Amino acid sequence: MSGPDLEQAAKIIAENVVSALMRDQRSPLRDTVMSRDAAMTAIMVELLRVMPTEDSERLAEACNRGIGELAITGMLGSRVGAVDPDDGSVTMRQE
C-alpha cells in the first residue's frame, strides 16, 4: 500500500474515529463542520506518519496523538484503544 492508498486508508480510519467521538453528546466535534474537519486532518497527519503498518496499537497511538493535537481528549474522556488495519474500524476505550 502506498501513496493514494495510504491516504484513503488514513481517511477511513480518521472518519471512524471522528464518528465514534461524535457519539458523545458533550463532544466539541458536534459543534461545527470545521471542528470535525480539523480533527480529521490532525488524525490523518499522525496516521500517515506511521503508515504503512499493520500494528493496531501503533495506529491507535497515532489516532490519539491526532486527537491530542486538538486538546479535545480531556473533554471527551475516550481514546482509541485499537484499530483494525484491515478495514479501519476502531475500538474506543474510556480514560
C-alpha atoms as a PDB file:
ATOM      1  CA  MET A   1       0.000   0.000   0.000  1.00  0.00           C
ATOM      2  CA  SER A   2       1.364   3.420  -0.924  1.00  0.00           C
ATOM      3  CA  GLY A   3       0.505   6.962  -2.000  1.00  0.00           C
ATOM      4  CA  PRO A   4      -3.224   7.450  -2.539  1.00  0.00           C
ATOM      5  CA  ASP A   5      -3.974   4.055  -0.989  1.00  0.00           C
ATOM      6  CA  LEU A   6      -2.340   5.144   2.286  1.00  0.00           C
ATOM      7  CA  GLU A   7      -4.240   8.414   2.243  1.00  0.00           C
ATOM      8  CA  GLN A   8      -7.533   6.610   1.638  1.00  0.00           C
ATOM      9  CA  ALA A   9      -6.819   4.158   4.471  1.00  0.00           C
ATOM     10  CA  ALA A  10      -5.898   7.044   6.815  1.00  0.00           C
ATOM     11  CA  LYS A  11      -9.085   8.863   5.831  1.00  0.00           C
ATOM     12  CA  ILE A  12     -11.256   5.830   6.575  1.00  0.00           C
ATOM     13  CA  ILE A  13      -9.659   5.354   9.993  1.00  0.00           C
ATOM     14  CA  ALA A  14      -9.931   9.082  10.805  1.00  0.00           C
ATOM     15  CA  GLU A  15     -13.610   9.122   9.775  1.00  0.00           C
ATOM     16  CA  ASN A  16     -14.277   6.165  12.061  1.00  0.00           C
ATOM     17  CA  VAL A  17     -12.524   7.867  14.980  1.00  0.00           C
ATOM     18  CA  VAL A  18     -14.382  11.154  14.467  1.00  0.00           C
ATOM     19  CA  SER A  19     -17.706   9.320  14.179  1.00  0.00           C
ATOM     20  CA  ALA A  20     -17.013   7.479  17.432  1.00  0.00           C
ATOM     21  CA  LEU A  21     -16.062  10.696  19.215  1.00  0.00           C
ATOM     22  CA  MET A  22     -19.200  12.450  17.974  1.00  0.00           C
ATOM     23  CA  ARG A  23     -21.422   9.894  19.705  1.00  0.00           C
ATOM     24  CA  ASP A  24     -20.653  11.697  22.963  1.00  0.00           C
ATOM     25  CA  GLN A  25     -23.299  14.407  23.409  1.00  0.00           C
ATOM     26  CA  ARG A  26     -20.664  16.674  25.004  1.00  0.00           C
ATOM     27  CA  SER A  27     -18.275  16.337  22.088  1.00  0.00           C
ATOM     28  CA  PRO A  28     -16.950  19.647  20.749  1.00  0.00           C
ATOM     29  CA  LEU A  29     -16.832  17.937  17.362  1.00  0.00           C
ATOM     30  CA  ARG A  30     -20.618  18.182  17.212  1.00  0.00           C
ATOM     31  CA  ASP A  31     -20.459  21.985  17.123  1.00  0.00           C
ATOM     32  CA  THR A  32     -19.239  22.706  13.604  1.00  0.00           C
ATOM     33  CA  VAL A  33     -18.137  21.050  10.403  1.00  0.00           C
ATOM     34  CA  MET A  34     -14.834  22.903  10.789  1.00  0.00           C
ATOM     35  CA  SER A  35     -14.132  21.176  14.093  1.00  0.00           C
ATOM     36  CA  ARG A  36     -14.758  17.774  12.512  1.00  0.00           C
ATOM     37  CA  ASP A  37     -12.531  18.674   9.551  1.00  0.00           C
ATOM     38  CA  ALA A  38      -9.760  19.813  11.906  1.00  0.00           C
ATOM     39  CA  ALA A  39      -9.992  16.529  13.813  1.00  0.00           C
ATOM     40  CA  MET A  40      -9.915  14.535  10.575  1.00  0.00           C
ATOM     41  CA  THR A  41      -6.836  16.388   9.371  1.00  0.00           C
ATOM     42  CA  ALA A  42      -4.956  16.064  12.674  1.00  0.00           C
ATOM     43  CA  ILE A  43      -5.670  12.337  12.890  1.00  0.00           C
ATOM     44  CA  MET A  44      -4.773  11.714   9.244  1.00  0.00           C
ATOM     45  CA  VAL A  45      -1.449  13.546   9.604  1.00  0.00           C
ATOM     46  CA  GLU A  46      -0.482  11.385  12.568  1.00  0.00           C
ATOM     47  CA  LEU A  47      -1.612   8.195  10.830  1.00  0.00           C
ATOM     48  CA  LEU A  48       0.372   8.972   7.691  1.00  0.00           C
ATOM     49  CA  ARG A  49       3.483   9.426   9.841  1.00  0.00           C
ATOM     50  CA  VAL A  50       3.328   5.764  10.914  1.00  0.00           C
ATOM     51  CA  MET A  51       1.846   4.172   7.818  1.00  0.00           C
ATOM     52  CA  PRO A  52       2.227   1.702   6.279  1.00  0.00           C
ATOM     53  CA  THR A  53       1.847  -0.536   9.303  1.00  0.00           C
ATOM     54  CA  GLU A  54      -0.396  -3.398  10.314  1.00  0.00           C
ATOM     55  CA  ASP A  55       0.255  -2.723  14.021  1.00  0.00           C
ATOM     56  CA  SER A  56      -3.115  -1.934  15.628  1.00  0.00           C
ATOM     57  CA  GLU A  57      -1.505  -0.408  18.710  1.00  0.00           C
ATOM     58  CA  ARG A  58       0.715   1.886  16.646  1.00  0.00           C
ATOM     59  CA  LEU A  59      -2.282   3.054  14.605  1.00  0.00           C
ATOM     60  CA  ALA A  60      -4.299   3.683  17.786  1.00  0.00           C
ATOM     61  CA  GLU A  61      -1.437   5.709  19.288  1.00  0.00           C
ATOM     62  CA  ALA A  62      -1.263   7.808  16.115  1.00  0.00           C
ATOM     63  CA  CYS A  63      -5.014   8.478  16.302  1.00  0.00           C
ATOM     64  CA  ASN A  64      -4.693   9.502  19.943  1.00  0.00           C
ATOM     65  CA  ARG A  65      -1.833  11.880  19.119  1.00  0.00           C
ATOM     66  CA  GLY A  66      -4.062  13.473  16.478  1.00  0.00           C
ATOM     67  CA  ILE A  67      -6.889  13.834  18.992  1.00  0.00           C
ATOM     68  CA  GLY A  68      -4.428  15.296  21.485  1.00  0.00           C
ATOM     69  CA  GLU A  69      -3.295  17.899  18.964  1.00  0.00           C
ATOM     70  CA  LEU A  70      -6.751  19.429  19.222  1.00  0.00           C
ATOM     71  CA  ALA A  71      -6.828  19.247  23.022  1.00  0.00           C
ATOM     72  CA  ILE A  72     -10.201  17.514  22.940  1.00  0.00           C
ATOM     73  CA  THR A  73      -9.145  14.340  24.726  1.00  0.00           C
ATOM     74  CA  GLY A  74      -9.793  15.605  28.241  1.00  0.00           C
ATOM     75  CA  MET A  75     -13.222  16.870  27.335  1.00  0.00           C
ATOM     76  CA  LEU A  76     -14.335  13.588  25.833  1.00  0.00           C
ATOM     77  CA  GLY A  77     -12.768  11.035  28.120  1.00  0.00           C
ATOM     78  CA  SER A  78     -12.442   8.459  25.365  1.00  0.00           C
ATOM     79  CA  ARG A  79      -9.427   7.340  23.396  1.00  0.00           C
ATOM     80  CA  VAL A  80      -8.770   4.946  20.570  1.00  0.00           C
ATOM     81  CA  GLY A  81      -7.977   1.545  22.027  1.00  0.00           C
ATOM     82  CA  ALA A  82      -7.420  -0.384  18.811  1.00  0.00           C
ATOM     83  CA  VAL A  83      -7.583  -0.006  15.044  1.00  0.00           C
ATOM     84  CA  ASP A  84      -8.284  -2.901  12.715  1.00  0.00           C
ATOM     85  CA  PRO A  85      -5.724  -2.374   9.932  1.00  0.00           C
ATOM     86  CA  ASP A  86      -7.776  -4.493   7.524  1.00  0.00           C
ATOM     87  CA  ASP A  87     -10.983  -2.454   7.499  1.00  0.00           C
ATOM     88  CA  GLY A  88     -10.134   0.690   9.505  1.00  0.00           C
ATOM     89  CA  SER A  89     -12.679   0.034  12.227  1.00  0.00           C
ATOM     90  CA  VAL A  90     -11.833   1.414  15.648  1.00  0.00           C
ATOM     91  CA  THR A  91     -12.451   0.329  19.214  1.00  0.00           C
ATOM     92  CA  MET A  92     -12.715   3.131  21.748  1.00  0.00           C
ATOM     93  CA  ARG A  93     -11.851   2.961  25.436  1.00  0.00           C
ATOM     94  CA  GLN A  94     -12.756   5.252  28.301  1.00  0.00           C
ATOM     95  CA  GLU A  95      -9.981   7.057  30.145  1.00  0.00           C
END
